[in-house]
Amino acid sequence: MNNRIPALALIALAFFSACKSRQYSRNNKQIEKAANKANPNPKSFTTLNYIETFKAIAIEEMNKYGIPASITLAQGILESGSGNSSLAKYANNHFGIKCTSDWKGKGYFKDDDKADDCFRVYKDARESYKDHSEFLKRKRYSFLFELDKNDYKNWARGLKQAGYATNPKYPDLLIGVIDRYQLYQYDQPESEKDKIKREDKIFSEINANIPNEKKKFTPVETPPSKQIVKTPDTLRISTPVVSDSTTDSTAPIFKPGSYTVKQGDTLYNISKRFNVSIDDLKLLNNISDSGIKIGQKLILVK
């Protein structure tokens, strides 16, 4: 008799799983039906016309948030199969972003890390691009926004470090797409004042009280390649898995009496690194605006 209990439990579990799968299948068919009705003649994208279609949205998001347009476009190309994946066609999901506890919209189910993983459904591709920017405003990605918005190589490396994708070759894949299609041409440099203004806005939106400890991430000085490479106008590459977990690595706070400004420094990241407010930095160093120069020596303690 006792031997029958585990068997019955397994049967019940299998029945429950089958019911869930049928429910997910019905859900997906409804979403696919609605997508086909809204767009009865969907076009197949090549990588080149995908870029042409979405570059304006990527640039718009870059100017708003500071995420390089090249990074956004390359992620869209990789993760949506240049707009031809089922997620892109039916769910308008171009970045493989999964449903999380804070997601209130519809879900589209497909096997990924586990069976019937839930992916977000958007009303259109533009909404997917906007949610991609919002998704990166989480604390774990905050250190990326200190990079220049044309530093696509360190953005690619930083995304992997923050746990965006599980594929160890993800940075190389992104950089390869950007170089192959010269997506860096859509990125823009920014002045120190513009960078500080953007950082202050983004960090205040991420969290009003960002911890002083941050991820260790050392940008690599590697200028973008400008070599023109002739390639086919289509790219076939497997979609990376977007992960929602990462291991934080923090740097100890050390507060010397003074500090010499280096390339890439801003008042904001110096204040966080040495646990001193921006107002105190300005007061101690008689700075009237937010501008600092490479080689400038800043006093850190009263």
C-alpha atoms as a PDB file:
ATOM      1  CA  MET A   1       0.000   0.000   0.000  1.00  0.00           C
ATOM      2  CA  ASN A   2       2.774   2.408   0.965  1.00  0.00           C
ATOM      3  CA  ASN A   3       4.537   1.749  -2.327  1.00  0.00           C
ATOM      4  CA  ARG A   4       1.519   3.043  -4.185  1.00  0.00           C
ATOM      5  CA  ILE A   5       1.661   6.525  -2.564  1.00  0.00           C
ATOM      6  CA  PRO A   6       4.773   7.760  -4.413  1.00  0.00           C
ATOM      7  CA  ALA A   7       3.404   6.358  -7.659  1.00  0.00           C
ATOM      8  CA  LEU A   8       0.113   8.209  -7.164  1.00  0.00           C
ATOM      9  CA  ALA A   9       2.002  11.394  -6.347  1.00  0.00           C
ATOM     10  CA  LEU A  10       4.013  11.086  -9.562  1.00  0.00           C
ATOM     11  CA  ILE A  11       0.853  10.517 -11.572  1.00  0.00           C
ATOM     12  CA  ALA A  12      -0.766  13.581  -9.981  1.00  0.00           C
ATOM     13  CA  LEU A  13       2.333  15.686 -10.702  1.00  0.00           C
ATOM     14  CA  ALA A  14       2.415  14.542 -14.318  1.00  0.00           C
ATOM     15  CA  PHE A  15      -1.295  15.354 -14.692  1.00  0.00           C
ATOM     16  CA  PHE A  16      -0.788  18.828 -13.194  1.00  0.00           C
ATOM     17  CA  SER A  17       2.202  19.503 -15.488  1.00  0.00           C
ATOM     18  CA  ALA A  18       0.221  18.387 -18.538  1.00  0.00           C
ATOM     19  CA  CYS A  19      -2.643  20.716 -17.590  1.00  0.00           C
ATOM     20  CA  LYS A  20      -0.219  23.603 -17.159  1.00  0.00           C
ATOM     21  CA  SER A  21       1.392  22.922 -20.536  1.00  0.00           C
ATOM     22  CA  ARG A  22      -2.034  22.870 -22.227  1.00  0.00           C
ATOM     23  CA  GLN A  23      -2.892  26.150 -20.490  1.00  0.00           C
ATOM     24  CA  TYR A  24       0.360  27.750 -21.690  1.00  0.00           C
ATOM     25  CA  SER A  25      -0.256  26.430 -25.201  1.00  0.00           C
ATOM     26  CA  ARG A  26      -3.737  27.998 -25.288  1.00  0.00           C
ATOM     27  CA  ASN A  27      -2.283  31.241 -23.964  1.00  0.00           C
ATOM     28  CA  ASN A  28       0.370  31.317 -26.703  1.00  0.00           C
ATOM     29  CA  LYS A  29      -2.179  30.560 -29.437  1.00  0.00           C
ATOM     30  CA  GLN A  30      -4.284  33.515 -28.294  1.00  0.00           C
ATOM     31  CA  ILE A  31      -1.264  35.813 -28.389  1.00  0.00           C
ATOM     32  CA  GLU A  32      -0.198  34.502 -31.801  1.00  0.00           C
ATOM     33  CA  LYS A  33      -3.732  34.946 -33.155  1.00  0.00           C
ATOM     34  CA  ALA A  34      -3.837  38.544 -31.926  1.00  0.00           C
ATOM     35  CA  ALA A  35      -0.398  39.240 -33.427  1.00  0.00           C
ATOM     36  CA  ASN A  36      -1.361  37.788 -36.795  1.00  0.00           C
ATOM     37  CA  LYS A  37      -4.579  39.814 -36.791  1.00  0.00           C
ATOM     38  CA  ALA A  38      -2.722  43.032 -36.004  1.00  0.00           C
ATOM     39  CA  ASN A  39      -0.091  42.271 -38.633  1.00  0.00           C
ATOM     40  CA  PRO A  40      -1.476  39.815 -41.193  1.00  0.00           C
ATOM     41  CA  ASN A  41       1.535  40.089 -43.499  1.00  0.00           C
ATOM     42  CA  PRO A  42       4.613  40.168 -41.275  1.00  0.00           C
ATOM     43  CA  LYS A  43       7.864  40.766 -43.112  1.00  0.00           C
ATOM     44  CA  SER A  44      11.045  38.794 -42.658  1.00  0.00           C
ATOM     45  CA  PHE A  45      13.946  40.991 -41.621  1.00  0.00           C
ATOM     46  CA  THR A  46      17.506  40.873 -42.846  1.00  0.00           C
ATOM     47  CA  THR A  47      20.035  42.189 -40.365  1.00  0.00           C
ATOM     48  CA  LEU A  48      20.576  45.297 -42.476  1.00  0.00           C
ATOM     49  CA  ASN A  49      16.917  46.272 -42.692  1.00  0.00           C
ATOM     50  CA  TYR A  50      16.488  45.417 -38.997  1.00  0.00           C
ATOM     51  CA  ILE A  51      19.185  47.990 -38.249  1.00  0.00           C
ATOM     52  CA  GLU A  52      17.548  50.516 -40.561  1.00  0.00           C
ATOM     53  CA  THR A  53      14.153  49.947 -38.912  1.00  0.00           C
ATOM     54  CA  PHE A  54      15.243  50.230 -35.286  1.00  0.00           C
ATOM     55  CA  LYS A  55      18.322  52.469 -35.264  1.00  0.00           C
ATOM     56  CA  ALA A  56      16.237  55.600 -34.571  1.00  0.00           C
ATOM     57  CA  ILE A  57      14.670  53.991 -31.476  1.00  0.00           C
ATOM     58  CA  ALA A  58      18.099  52.848 -30.256  1.00  0.00           C
ATOM     59  CA  ILE A  59      19.510  56.375 -30.672  1.00  0.00           C
ATOM     60  CA  GLU A  60      16.488  57.843 -28.892  1.00  0.00           C
ATOM     61  CA  GLU A  61      17.013  55.501 -25.936  1.00  0.00           C
ATOM     62  CA  MET A  62      20.758  56.285 -25.919  1.00  0.00           C
ATOM     63  CA  ASN A  63      20.101  60.017 -25.688  1.00  0.00           C
ATOM     64  CA  LYS A  64      17.632  59.446 -22.861  1.00  0.00           C
ATOM     65  CA  TYR A  65      19.541  56.894 -20.781  1.00  0.00           C
ATOM     66  CA  GLY A  66      23.149  56.772 -22.008  1.00  0.00           C
ATOM     67  CA  ILE A  67      23.076  53.162 -23.243  1.00  0.00           C
ATOM     68  CA  PRO A  68      25.128  53.021 -26.480  1.00  0.00           C
ATOM     69  CA  ALA A  69      22.827  52.650 -29.487  1.00  0.00           C
ATOM     70  CA  SER A  70      25.274  50.086 -30.865  1.00  0.00           C
ATOM     71  CA  ILE A  71      24.819  47.902 -27.768  1.00  0.00           C
ATOM     72  CA  THR A  72      21.027  48.097 -27.942  1.00  0.00           C
ATOM     73  CA  LEU A  73      20.962  47.264 -31.658  1.00  0.00           C
ATOM     74  CA  ALA A  74      23.469  44.418 -31.289  1.00  0.00           C
ATOM     75  CA  GLN A  75      21.475  42.909 -28.422  1.00  0.00           C
ATOM     76  CA  GLY A  76      18.305  43.176 -30.478  1.00  0.00           C
ATOM     77  CA  ILE A  77      19.996  41.472 -33.442  1.00  0.00           C
ATOM     78  CA  LEU A  78      21.395  38.630 -31.348  1.00  0.00           C
ATOM     79  CA  GLU A  79      18.419  37.995 -29.110  1.00  0.00           C
ATOM     80  CA  SER A  80      15.639  38.313 -31.679  1.00  0.00           C
ATOM     81  CA  GLY A  81      17.387  36.698 -34.654  1.00  0.00           C
ATOM     82  CA  SER A  82      17.236  40.102 -36.365  1.00  0.00           C
ATOM     83  CA  GLY A  83      13.540  40.357 -35.531  1.00  0.00           C
ATOM     84  CA  ASN A  84      12.600  36.906 -36.884  1.00  0.00           C
ATOM     85  CA  SER A  85      12.277  34.877 -33.667  1.00  0.00           C
ATOM     86  CA  SER A  86       8.876  33.762 -32.401  1.00  0.00           C
ATOM     87  CA  LEU A  87       9.311  36.044 -29.380  1.00  0.00           C
ATOM     88  CA  ALA A  88       9.863  39.037 -31.642  1.00  0.00           C
ATOM     89  CA  LYS A  89       7.058  38.149 -34.085  1.00  0.00           C
ATOM     90  CA  TYR A  90       4.347  37.254 -31.580  1.00  0.00           C
ATOM     91  CA  ALA A  91       5.385  38.918 -28.305  1.00  0.00           C
ATOM     92  CA  ASN A  92       7.279  41.920 -29.739  1.00  0.00           C
ATOM     93  CA  ASN A  93      10.044  40.884 -27.320  1.00  0.00           C
ATOM     94  CA  HIS A  94      13.384  41.743 -28.966  1.00  0.00           C
ATOM     95  CA  PHE A  95      15.646  41.267 -25.927  1.00  0.00           C
ATOM     96  CA  GLY A  96      14.558  37.968 -24.399  1.00  0.00           C
ATOM     97  CA  ILE A  97      13.416  39.664 -21.193  1.00  0.00           C
ATOM     98  CA  LYS A  98      11.514  37.272 -18.963  1.00  0.00           C
ATOM     99  CA  CYS A  99       8.531  37.876 -16.716  1.00  0.00           C
ATOM    100  CA  THR A 100       9.566  38.929 -13.221  1.00  0.00           C
ATOM    101  CA  SER A 101       7.574  39.496 -10.039  1.00  0.00           C
ATOM    102  CA  ASP A 102       7.073  43.168 -10.948  1.00  0.00           C
ATOM    103  CA  TRP A 103       5.800  42.432 -14.482  1.00  0.00           C
ATOM    104  CA  LYS A 104       2.065  43.125 -14.803  1.00  0.00           C
ATOM    105  CA  GLY A 105       1.635  42.409 -18.520  1.00  0.00           C
ATOM    106  CA  LYS A 106       0.958  39.250 -20.517  1.00  0.00           C
ATOM    107  CA  GLY A 107       3.388  36.354 -20.823  1.00  0.00           C
ATOM    108  CA  TYR A 108       4.469  34.146 -23.735  1.00  0.00           C
ATOM    109  CA  PHE A 109       5.704  30.700 -22.732  1.00  0.00           C
ATOM    110  CA  LYS A 110       8.544  28.743 -24.289  1.00  0.00           C
ATOM    111  CA  ASP A 111      11.291  26.416 -23.119  1.00  0.00           C
ATOM    112  CA  ASP A 112      14.510  28.175 -22.135  1.00  0.00           C
ATOM    113  CA  ASP A 113      16.395  27.756 -18.860  1.00  0.00           C
ATOM    114  CA  LYS A 114      13.465  25.577 -17.852  1.00  0.00           C
ATOM    115  CA  ALA A 115      10.315  24.274 -19.488  1.00  0.00           C
ATOM    116  CA  ASP A 116       7.643  26.888 -20.196  1.00  0.00           C
ATOM    117  CA  ASP A 117       9.655  29.927 -19.146  1.00  0.00           C
ATOM    118  CA  CYS A 118       7.568  33.096 -19.189  1.00  0.00           C
ATOM    119  CA  PHE A 119       8.650  35.969 -21.458  1.00  0.00           C
ATOM    120  CA  ARG A 120       7.189  39.464 -21.496  1.00  0.00           C
ATOM    121  CA  VAL A 121       4.695  40.419 -24.190  1.00  0.00           C
ATOM    122  CA  TYR A 122       4.700  43.986 -25.555  1.00  0.00           C
ATOM    123  CA  LYS A 123       2.185  45.827 -27.698  1.00  0.00           C
ATOM    124  CA  ASP A 124       4.905  46.783 -30.182  1.00  0.00           C
ATOM    125  CA  ALA A 125       8.677  46.696 -30.713  1.00  0.00           C
ATOM    126  CA  ARG A 126       9.140  50.273 -29.475  1.00  0.00           C
ATOM    127  CA  GLU A 127       7.716  49.252 -26.096  1.00  0.00           C
ATOM    128  CA  SER A 128      10.233  46.395 -26.007  1.00  0.00           C
ATOM    129  CA  TYR A 129      13.108  48.809 -26.624  1.00  0.00           C
ATOM    130  CA  LYS A 130      11.878  51.144 -23.896  1.00  0.00           C
ATOM    131  CA  ASP A 131      11.499  48.290 -21.415  1.00  0.00           C
ATOM    132  CA  HIS A 132      15.037  47.147 -22.262  1.00  0.00           C
ATOM    133  CA  SER A 133      16.317  50.543 -21.063  1.00  0.00           C
ATOM    134  CA  GLU A 134      14.156  50.367 -17.933  1.00  0.00           C
ATOM    135  CA  PHE A 135      15.374  46.823 -17.258  1.00  0.00           C
ATOM    136  CA  LEU A 136      18.988  48.031 -17.243  1.00  0.00           C
ATOM    137  CA  LYS A 137      18.181  50.676 -14.623  1.00  0.00           C
ATOM    138  CA  ARG A 138      18.456  48.023 -11.913  1.00  0.00           C
ATOM    139  CA  LYS A 139      21.134  48.428  -9.260  1.00  0.00           C
ATOM    140  CA  ARG A 140      23.216  45.551 -10.564  1.00  0.00           C
ATOM    141  CA  TYR A 141      23.770  47.454 -13.849  1.00  0.00           C
ATOM    142  CA  SER A 142      24.307  50.890 -12.230  1.00  0.00           C
ATOM    143  CA  PHE A 143      28.091  50.883 -12.710  1.00  0.00           C
ATOM    144  CA  LEU A 144      27.613  50.690 -16.476  1.00  0.00           C
ATOM    145  CA  PHE A 145      26.070  54.156 -16.588  1.00  0.00           C
ATOM    146  CA  GLU A 146      29.392  55.675 -15.506  1.00  0.00           C
ATOM    147  CA  LEU A 147      30.833  54.636 -18.864  1.00  0.00           C
ATOM    148  CA  ASP A 148      30.729  56.999 -21.829  1.00  0.00           C
ATOM    149  CA  LYS A 149      27.786  56.322 -24.111  1.00  0.00           C
ATOM    150  CA  ASN A 150      30.150  55.512 -26.965  1.00  0.00           C
ATOM    151  CA  ASP A 151      32.216  52.973 -24.977  1.00  0.00           C
ATOM    152  CA  TYR A 152      30.478  49.943 -26.450  1.00  0.00           C
ATOM    153  CA  LYS A 153      33.292  47.481 -25.743  1.00  0.00           C
ATOM    154  CA  ASN A 154      33.251  48.046 -21.998  1.00  0.00           C
ATOM    155  CA  TRP A 155      29.455  48.091 -22.020  1.00  0.00           C
ATOM    156  CA  ALA A 156      29.547  44.628 -23.635  1.00  0.00           C
ATOM    157  CA  ARG A 157      31.996  43.330 -21.015  1.00  0.00           C
ATOM    158  CA  GLY A 158      30.070  44.969 -18.186  1.00  0.00           C
ATOM    159  CA  LEU A 159      26.761  43.401 -19.229  1.00  0.00           C
ATOM    160  CA  LYS A 160      28.310  39.949 -18.956  1.00  0.00           C
ATOM    161  CA  GLN A 161      29.893  40.810 -15.603  1.00  0.00           C
ATOM    162  CA  ALA A 162      26.529  41.988 -14.263  1.00  0.00           C
ATOM    163  CA  GLY A 163      24.969  38.666 -15.254  1.00  0.00           C
ATOM    164  CA  TYR A 164      22.818  39.789 -18.194  1.00  0.00           C
ATOM    165  CA  ALA A 165      23.594  36.615 -20.143  1.00  0.00           C
ATOM    166  CA  THR A 166      24.987  33.217 -19.188  1.00  0.00           C
ATOM    167  CA  ASN A 167      26.931  32.741 -22.426  1.00  0.00           C
ATOM    168  CA  PRO A 168      30.646  33.352 -21.578  1.00  0.00           C
ATOM    169  CA  LYS A 169      31.213  34.597 -25.139  1.00  0.00           C
ATOM    170  CA  TYR A 170      28.409  37.180 -24.926  1.00  0.00           C
ATOM    171  CA  PRO A 171      30.732  40.248 -24.940  1.00  0.00           C
ATOM    172  CA  ASP A 172      32.603  38.922 -27.983  1.00  0.00           C
ATOM    173  CA  LEU A 173      29.322  38.233 -29.771  1.00  0.00           C
ATOM    174  CA  LEU A 174      28.080  41.778 -29.151  1.00  0.00           C
ATOM    175  CA  ILE A 175      31.364  43.413 -30.149  1.00  0.00           C
ATOM    176  CA  GLY A 176      31.574  41.212 -33.246  1.00  0.00           C
ATOM    177  CA  VAL A 177      28.110  42.307 -34.426  1.00  0.00           C
ATOM    178  CA  ILE A 178      28.866  45.962 -33.707  1.00  0.00           C
ATOM    179  CA  ASP A 179      32.132  45.878 -35.641  1.00  0.00           C
ATOM    180  CA  ARG A 180      30.725  43.793 -38.510  1.00  0.00           C
ATOM    181  CA  TYR A 181      27.830  46.170 -39.129  1.00  0.00           C
ATOM    182  CA  GLN A 182      29.656  49.328 -37.979  1.00  0.00           C
ATOM    183  CA  LEU A 183      26.962  50.039 -35.405  1.00  0.00           C
ATOM    184  CA  TYR A 184      29.384  52.297 -33.520  1.00  0.00           C
ATOM    185  CA  GLN A 185      28.535  54.998 -36.067  1.00  0.00           C
ATOM    186  CA  TYR A 186      25.253  55.525 -34.185  1.00  0.00           C
ATOM    187  CA  ASP A 187      26.971  56.146 -30.845  1.00  0.00           C
ATOM    188  CA  GLN A 188      27.780  59.661 -29.709  1.00  0.00           C
ATOM    189  CA  PRO A 189      30.490  61.098 -27.465  1.00  0.00           C
ATOM    190  CA  GLU A 190      29.407  63.392 -24.650  1.00  0.00           C
ATOM    191  CA  SER A 191      30.958  66.299 -22.773  1.00  0.00           C
ATOM    192  CA  GLU A 192      31.905  65.982 -19.114  1.00  0.00           C
ATOM    193  CA  LYS A 193      28.985  68.199 -18.108  1.00  0.00           C
ATOM    194  CA  ASP A 194      26.533  66.156 -20.158  1.00  0.00           C
ATOM    195  CA  LYS A 195      27.898  62.943 -18.662  1.00  0.00           C
ATOM    196  CA  ILE A 196      27.549  64.234 -15.091  1.00  0.00           C
ATOM    197  CA  LYS A 197      24.026  65.476 -15.788  1.00  0.00           C
ATOM    198  CA  ARG A 198      23.046  62.099 -17.261  1.00  0.00           C
ATOM    199  CA  GLU A 199      24.662  60.123 -14.425  1.00  0.00           C
ATOM    200  CA  ASP A 200      22.900  62.174 -11.763  1.00  0.00           C
ATOM    201  CA  LYS A 201      19.538  61.638 -13.482  1.00  0.00           C
ATOM    202  CA  ILE A 202      19.967  57.907 -14.036  1.00  0.00           C
ATOM    203  CA  PHE A 203      21.364  57.158 -10.575  1.00  0.00           C
ATOM    204  CA  SER A 204      18.583  59.116  -8.895  1.00  0.00           C
ATOM    205  CA  GLU A 205      16.091  57.007 -10.852  1.00  0.00           C
ATOM    206  CA  ILE A 206      17.835  53.720 -10.045  1.00  0.00           C
ATOM    207  CA  ASN A 207      17.817  54.429  -6.336  1.00  0.00           C
ATOM    208  CA  ALA A 208      17.874  57.544  -4.169  1.00  0.00           C
ATOM    209  CA  ASN A 209      20.416  55.888  -1.877  1.00  0.00           C
ATOM    210  CA  ILE A 210      22.907  53.935  -3.963  1.00  0.00           C
ATOM    211  CA  PRO A 211      25.347  52.062  -1.683  1.00  0.00           C
ATOM    212  CA  ASN A 212      28.870  53.432  -1.534  1.00  0.00           C
ATOM    213  CA  GLU A 213      30.231  50.005  -2.410  1.00  0.00           C
ATOM    214  CA  LYS A 214      30.170  49.220  -6.109  1.00  0.00           C
ATOM    215  CA  LYS A 215      31.049  46.472  -8.510  1.00  0.00           C
ATOM    216  CA  LYS A 216      34.669  46.242  -9.509  1.00  0.00           C
ATOM    217  CA  PHE A 217      34.881  47.075 -13.184  1.00  0.00           C
ATOM    218  CA  THR A 218      37.940  48.498 -14.880  1.00  0.00           C
ATOM    219  CA  PRO A 219      37.273  49.918 -18.347  1.00  0.00           C
ATOM    220  CA  VAL A 220      39.762  48.853 -20.992  1.00  0.00           C
ATOM    221  CA  GLU A 221      41.086  51.602 -23.224  1.00  0.00           C
ATOM    222  CA  THR A 222      40.372  50.116 -26.646  1.00  0.00           C
ATOM    223  CA  PRO A 223      39.394  52.520 -29.436  1.00  0.00           C
ATOM    224  CA  PRO A 224      36.657  51.216 -31.746  1.00  0.00           C
ATOM    225  CA  SER A 225      37.752  49.716 -35.021  1.00  0.00           C
ATOM    226  CA  LYS A 226      36.793  51.768 -38.059  1.00  0.00           C
ATOM    227  CA  GLN A 227      37.711  49.097 -40.582  1.00  0.00           C
ATOM    228  CA  ILE A 228      34.963  48.397 -43.092  1.00  0.00           C
ATOM    229  CA  VAL A 229      34.272  44.703 -43.369  1.00  0.00           C
ATOM    230  CA  LYS A 230      32.178  43.393 -46.261  1.00  0.00           C
ATOM    231  CA  THR A 231      29.763  40.753 -45.011  1.00  0.00           C
ATOM    232  CA  PRO A 232      26.439  39.222 -46.048  1.00  0.00           C
ATOM    233  CA  ASP A 233      23.416  41.271 -45.116  1.00  0.00           C
ATOM    234  CA  THR A 234      22.063  38.543 -42.858  1.00  0.00           C
ATOM    235  CA  LEU A 235      23.349  37.151 -39.588  1.00  0.00           C
ATOM    236  CA  ARG A 236      22.337  33.795 -38.157  1.00  0.00           C
ATOM    237  CA  ILE A 237      23.327  33.350 -34.542  1.00  0.00           C
ATOM    238  CA  SER A 238      21.790  31.597 -31.569  1.00  0.00           C
ATOM    239  CA  THR A 239      19.949  33.633 -28.951  1.00  0.00           C
ATOM    240  CA  PRO A 240      21.791  34.035 -25.631  1.00  0.00           C
ATOM    241  CA  VAL A 241      20.013  33.283 -22.380  1.00  0.00           C
ATOM    242  CA  VAL A 242      19.132  36.351 -20.337  1.00  0.00           C
ATOM    243  CA  SER A 243      19.786  35.692 -16.690  1.00  0.00           C
ATOM    244  CA  ASP A 244      18.228  37.566 -13.776  1.00  0.00           C
ATOM    245  CA  SER A 245      20.848  36.665 -11.183  1.00  0.00           C
ATOM    246  CA  THR A 246      24.371  37.791 -10.527  1.00  0.00           C
ATOM    247  CA  THR A 247      27.025  37.754  -7.852  1.00  0.00           C
ATOM    248  CA  ASP A 248      27.860  41.205  -6.577  1.00  0.00           C
ATOM    249  CA  SER A 249      31.489  42.183  -6.157  1.00  0.00           C
ATOM    250  CA  THR A 250      32.209  45.259  -4.098  1.00  0.00           C
ATOM    251  CA  ALA A 251      35.217  47.487  -3.738  1.00  0.00           C
ATOM    252  CA  PRO A 252      36.436  48.694  -0.321  1.00  0.00           C
ATOM    253  CA  ILE A 253      36.138  52.396   0.400  1.00  0.00           C
ATOM    254  CA  PHE A 254      39.463  54.127   0.968  1.00  0.00           C
ATOM    255  CA  LYS A 255      39.559  57.831   1.736  1.00  0.00           C
ATOM    256  CA  PRO A 256      42.981  59.493   1.345  1.00  0.00           C
ATOM    257  CA  GLY A 257      43.521  63.214   1.901  1.00  0.00           C
ATOM    258  CA  SER A 258      43.540  64.013  -1.798  1.00  0.00           C
ATOM    259  CA  TYR A 259      42.936  62.448  -5.178  1.00  0.00           C
ATOM    260  CA  THR A 260      44.193  63.174  -8.710  1.00  0.00           C
ATOM    261  CA  VAL A 261      41.480  63.093 -11.370  1.00  0.00           C
ATOM    262  CA  LYS A 262      41.908  60.382 -14.013  1.00  0.00           C
ATOM    263  CA  GLN A 263      40.246  59.765 -17.355  1.00  0.00           C
ATOM    264  CA  GLY A 264      36.605  58.786 -16.952  1.00  0.00           C
ATOM    265  CA  ASP A 265      36.264  60.292 -13.470  1.00  0.00           C
ATOM    266  CA  THR A 266      33.263  62.410 -12.528  1.00  0.00           C
ATOM    267  CA  LEU A 267      32.393  64.188  -9.308  1.00  0.00           C
ATOM    268  CA  TYR A 268      29.645  61.649  -8.819  1.00  0.00           C
ATOM    269  CA  ASN A 269      31.806  58.508  -8.985  1.00  0.00           C
ATOM    270  CA  ILE A 270      34.594  60.161  -6.940  1.00  0.00           C
ATOM    271  CA  SER A 271      32.065  61.098  -4.251  1.00  0.00           C
ATOM    272  CA  LYS A 272      30.787  57.529  -4.091  1.00  0.00           C
ATOM    273  CA  ARG A 273      34.260  55.991  -4.185  1.00  0.00           C
ATOM    274  CA  PHE A 274      35.552  58.027  -1.242  1.00  0.00           C
ATOM    275  CA  ASN A 275      32.266  58.515   0.643  1.00  0.00           C
ATOM    276  CA  VAL A 276      32.205  62.299   0.437  1.00  0.00           C
ATOM    277  CA  SER A 277      29.286  64.344  -0.874  1.00  0.00           C
ATOM    278  CA  ILE A 278      29.456  66.235  -4.166  1.00  0.00           C
ATOM    279  CA  ASP A 279      28.658  69.483  -2.307  1.00  0.00           C
ATOM    280  CA  ASP A 280      31.622  68.925   0.037  1.00  0.00           C
ATOM    281  CA  LEU A 281      33.895  68.205  -2.941  1.00  0.00           C
ATOM    282  CA  LYS A 282      32.822  71.461  -4.585  1.00  0.00           C
ATOM    283  CA  LEU A 283      33.251  73.426  -1.352  1.00  0.00           C
ATOM    284  CA  LEU A 284      36.657  71.947  -0.480  1.00  0.00           C
ATOM    285  CA  ASN A 285      37.997  72.536  -3.991  1.00  0.00           C
ATOM    286  CA  ASN A 286      36.263  75.828  -4.814  1.00  0.00           C
ATOM    287  CA  ILE A 287      34.414  74.274  -7.787  1.00  0.00           C
ATOM    288  CA  SER A 288      31.547  76.420  -9.030  1.00  0.00           C
ATOM    289  CA  ASP A 289      30.136  73.928 -11.541  1.00  0.00           C
ATOM    290  CA  SER A 290      30.402  70.163 -12.071  1.00  0.00           C
ATOM    291  CA  GLY A 291      33.437  70.297 -14.348  1.00  0.00           C
ATOM    292  CA  ILE A 292      36.717  68.624 -13.368  1.00  0.00           C
ATOM    293  CA  LYS A 293      39.827  68.045 -15.446  1.00  0.00           C
ATOM    294  CA  ILE A 294      42.219  65.131 -15.852  1.00  0.00           C
ATOM    295  CA  GLY A 295      45.228  65.722 -13.606  1.00  0.00           C
ATOM    296  CA  GLN A 296      43.324  68.039 -11.260  1.00  0.00           C
ATOM    297  CA  LYS A 297      44.105  67.380  -7.596  1.00  0.00           C
ATOM    298  CA  LEU A 298      41.053  67.253  -5.367  1.00  0.00           C
ATOM    299  CA  ILE A 299      41.010  67.649  -1.584  1.00  0.00           C
ATOM    300  CA  LEU A 300      38.855  64.930  -0.014  1.00  0.00           C
ATOM    301  CA  VAL A 301      38.887  65.724   3.701  1.00  0.00           C
ATOM    302  CA  LYS A 302      38.261  68.918   5.677  1.00  0.00           C
END
